[in-house]
Amino acid sequence: MYELWQGRVVYGSLWEVEGGSIEISIEKSSEGINEGIVVIKYRDSQNIETKIQKDLEDI
């Protein structure tokens, strides 16, 4: 956790799944050196394509 706090390491995994991806990582906490935050992200490829199209239309 100390190395994470110092910015020397990155902990994370990424899985490509049908229809998107899942990412799990540990990020440093602003609370203290020995604390971290587990972050789970799911990206849905269908919704990403819809957002890209909407953003292009807005431009």
N, C-alpha and C. Protein backbone atom coordinates (compact mmCIF):
# COMPACT_ATOMS: atom_id res chain seq x y z
N MET A 1 0.83 -1.19 0.00
CA MET A 1 0.00 0.00 0.00
C MET A 1 0.87 1.25 0.00
N TYR A 2 2.04 1.18 0.65
CA TYR A 2 2.93 2.33 0.66
C TYR A 2 3.39 2.67 -0.76
N GLU A 3 3.74 1.64 -1.54
CA GLU A 3 4.17 1.86 -2.92
C GLU A 3 3.04 2.45 -3.76
N LEU A 4 1.82 1.99 -3.53
CA LEU A 4 0.65 2.56 -4.20
C LEU A 4 0.50 4.03 -3.84
N TRP A 5 0.62 4.34 -2.56
CA TRP A 5 0.50 5.71 -2.07
C TRP A 5 1.56 6.62 -2.71
N GLN A 6 2.76 6.07 -2.94
CA GLN A 6 3.85 6.84 -3.53
C GLN A 6 3.73 6.95 -5.06
N GLY A 7 2.79 6.22 -5.65
CA GLY A 7 2.61 6.27 -7.09
C GLY A 7 3.59 5.41 -7.85
N ARG A 8 4.21 4.44 -7.18
CA ARG A 8 5.21 3.59 -7.82
C ARG A 8 4.63 2.32 -8.44
N VAL A 9 3.43 1.94 -8.04
CA VAL A 9 2.80 0.74 -8.60
C VAL A 9 1.36 1.03 -8.97
N VAL A 10 0.83 0.20 -9.86
CA VAL A 10 -0.57 0.27 -10.25
C VAL A 10 -1.12 -1.15 -10.16
N TYR A 11 -2.22 -1.30 -9.45
CA TYR A 11 -2.87 -2.60 -9.33
C TYR A 11 -4.17 -2.56 -10.12
N GLY A 12 -4.29 -3.46 -11.08
CA GLY A 12 -5.52 -3.48 -11.84
C GLY A 12 -5.59 -4.67 -12.78
N SER A 13 -6.80 -5.03 -13.13
CA SER A 13 -7.05 -6.09 -14.10
C SER A 13 -8.19 -5.65 -15.00
N LEU A 14 -8.13 -6.11 -16.25
CA LEU A 14 -9.15 -5.77 -17.24
C LEU A 14 -9.57 -7.05 -17.94
N TRP A 15 -10.88 -7.27 -18.01
CA TRP A 15 -11.44 -8.42 -18.70
C TRP A 15 -12.34 -7.93 -19.82
N GLU A 16 -12.14 -8.47 -21.01
CA GLU A 16 -13.04 -8.23 -22.13
C GLU A 16 -14.13 -9.28 -22.05
N VAL A 17 -15.38 -8.85 -21.97
CA VAL A 17 -16.51 -9.76 -21.91
C VAL A 17 -17.44 -9.44 -23.07
N GLU A 18 -18.35 -10.35 -23.35
CA GLU A 18 -19.29 -10.13 -24.44
C GLU A 18 -20.09 -8.85 -24.18
N GLY A 19 -19.99 -7.89 -25.06
CA GLY A 19 -20.74 -6.66 -24.93
C GLY A 19 -20.05 -5.55 -24.16
N GLY A 20 -18.78 -5.74 -23.77
CA GLY A 20 -18.10 -4.68 -23.04
C GLY A 20 -16.84 -5.14 -22.34
N SER A 21 -16.50 -4.49 -21.24
CA SER A 21 -15.32 -4.86 -20.47
C SER A 21 -15.55 -4.55 -19.00
N ILE A 22 -14.79 -5.24 -18.15
CA ILE A 22 -14.84 -5.04 -16.71
C ILE A 22 -13.43 -4.73 -16.24
N GLU A 23 -13.28 -3.68 -15.45
CA GLU A 23 -11.98 -3.29 -14.92
C GLU A 23 -12.07 -3.21 -13.40
N ILE A 24 -11.11 -3.83 -12.73
CA ILE A 24 -11.02 -3.75 -11.28
C ILE A 24 -9.64 -3.21 -10.94
N SER A 25 -9.59 -2.19 -10.07
CA SER A 25 -8.31 -1.61 -9.69
C SER A 25 -8.33 -1.18 -8.23
N ILE A 26 -7.14 -0.99 -7.69
CA ILE A 26 -6.98 -0.43 -6.35
C ILE A 26 -6.31 0.92 -6.51
N GLU A 27 -6.93 1.95 -5.98
CA GLU A 27 -6.38 3.31 -6.07
C GLU A 27 -6.11 3.83 -4.67
N LYS A 28 -5.18 4.76 -4.59
CA LYS A 28 -4.86 5.29 -3.27
C LYS A 28 -6.00 6.14 -2.72
N SER A 29 -6.12 6.10 -1.42
CA SER A 29 -7.15 6.86 -0.73
C SER A 29 -6.56 8.17 -0.23
N SER A 30 -7.37 9.17 -0.12
CA SER A 30 -6.91 10.44 0.42
C SER A 30 -6.88 10.40 1.95
N GLU A 31 -7.36 9.29 2.52
CA GLU A 31 -7.47 9.18 3.98
C GLU A 31 -6.14 8.86 4.65
N GLY A 32 -5.32 8.01 4.05
CA GLY A 32 -4.07 7.65 4.70
C GLY A 32 -3.25 6.69 3.87
N ILE A 33 -2.00 6.51 4.29
CA ILE A 33 -1.05 5.69 3.55
C ILE A 33 -1.50 4.24 3.46
N ASN A 34 -2.08 3.70 4.51
CA ASN A 34 -2.45 2.29 4.54
C ASN A 34 -3.87 2.02 4.08
N GLU A 35 -4.48 2.95 3.37
CA GLU A 35 -5.84 2.77 2.91
C GLU A 35 -5.91 2.88 1.40
N GLY A 36 -6.79 2.08 0.81
CA GLY A 36 -6.99 2.11 -0.63
C GLY A 36 -8.46 2.03 -0.96
N ILE A 37 -8.77 2.25 -2.21
CA ILE A 37 -10.14 2.21 -2.70
C ILE A 37 -10.19 1.19 -3.83
N VAL A 38 -11.13 0.26 -3.75
CA VAL A 38 -11.34 -0.70 -4.82
C VAL A 38 -12.34 -0.08 -5.80
N VAL A 39 -11.95 -0.02 -7.07
CA VAL A 39 -12.79 0.58 -8.11
C VAL A 39 -13.17 -0.50 -9.11
N ILE A 40 -14.46 -0.63 -9.38
CA ILE A 40 -14.96 -1.58 -10.37
C ILE A 40 -15.67 -0.78 -11.45
N LYS A 41 -15.24 -0.96 -12.70
CA LYS A 41 -15.85 -0.25 -13.83
C LYS A 41 -16.36 -1.26 -14.84
N TYR A 42 -17.54 -1.02 -15.34
CA TYR A 42 -18.10 -1.84 -16.42
C TYR A 42 -18.39 -0.92 -17.59
N ARG A 43 -17.86 -1.28 -18.73
CA ARG A 43 -18.11 -0.49 -19.94
C ARG A 43 -18.96 -1.32 -20.88
N ASP A 44 -20.10 -0.81 -21.21
CA ASP A 44 -21.04 -1.47 -22.10
C ASP A 44 -20.80 -0.93 -23.50
N SER A 45 -20.32 -1.76 -24.42
CA SER A 45 -19.94 -1.28 -25.75
C SER A 45 -21.12 -0.68 -26.51
N GLN A 46 -22.32 -1.19 -26.31
CA GLN A 46 -23.49 -0.64 -27.01
C GLN A 46 -23.74 0.80 -26.56
N ASN A 47 -23.69 1.06 -25.27
CA ASN A 47 -23.91 2.42 -24.77
C ASN A 47 -22.77 3.36 -25.15
N ILE A 48 -21.56 2.84 -25.24
CA ILE A 48 -20.43 3.67 -25.66
C ILE A 48 -20.64 4.14 -27.09
N GLU A 49 -21.05 3.24 -27.98
CA GLU A 49 -21.31 3.61 -29.37
C GLU A 49 -22.41 4.66 -29.46
N THR A 50 -23.48 4.50 -28.68
CA THR A 50 -24.58 5.47 -28.67
C THR A 50 -24.08 6.83 -28.21
N LYS A 51 -23.24 6.86 -27.17
CA LYS A 51 -22.71 8.13 -26.66
C LYS A 51 -21.81 8.80 -27.70
N ILE A 52 -20.97 8.02 -28.37
CA ILE A 52 -20.09 8.58 -29.39
C ILE A 52 -20.93 9.22 -30.51
N GLN A 53 -21.98 8.53 -30.95
CA GLN A 53 -22.85 9.09 -32.00
C GLN A 53 -23.52 10.37 -31.54
N LYS A 54 -23.99 10.40 -30.29
CA LYS A 54 -24.63 11.60 -29.76
C LYS A 54 -23.65 12.76 -29.67
N ASP A 55 -22.43 12.46 -29.22
CA ASP A 55 -21.40 13.51 -29.12
C ASP A 55 -21.07 14.06 -30.51
N LEU A 56 -20.98 13.18 -31.51
CA LEU A 56 -20.69 13.65 -32.87
C LEU A 56 -21.83 14.51 -33.40
N GLU A 57 -23.06 14.16 -33.08
CA GLU A 57 -24.20 14.97 -33.51
C GLU A 57 -24.19 16.35 -32.84
N ASP A 58 -23.73 16.38 -31.57
CA ASP A 58 -23.67 17.66 -30.84
C ASP A 58 -22.63 18.59 -31.42
N ILE A 59 -21.60 18.03 -32.02
CA ILE A 59 -20.52 18.84 -32.60
C ILE A 59 -21.05 19.45 -33.88
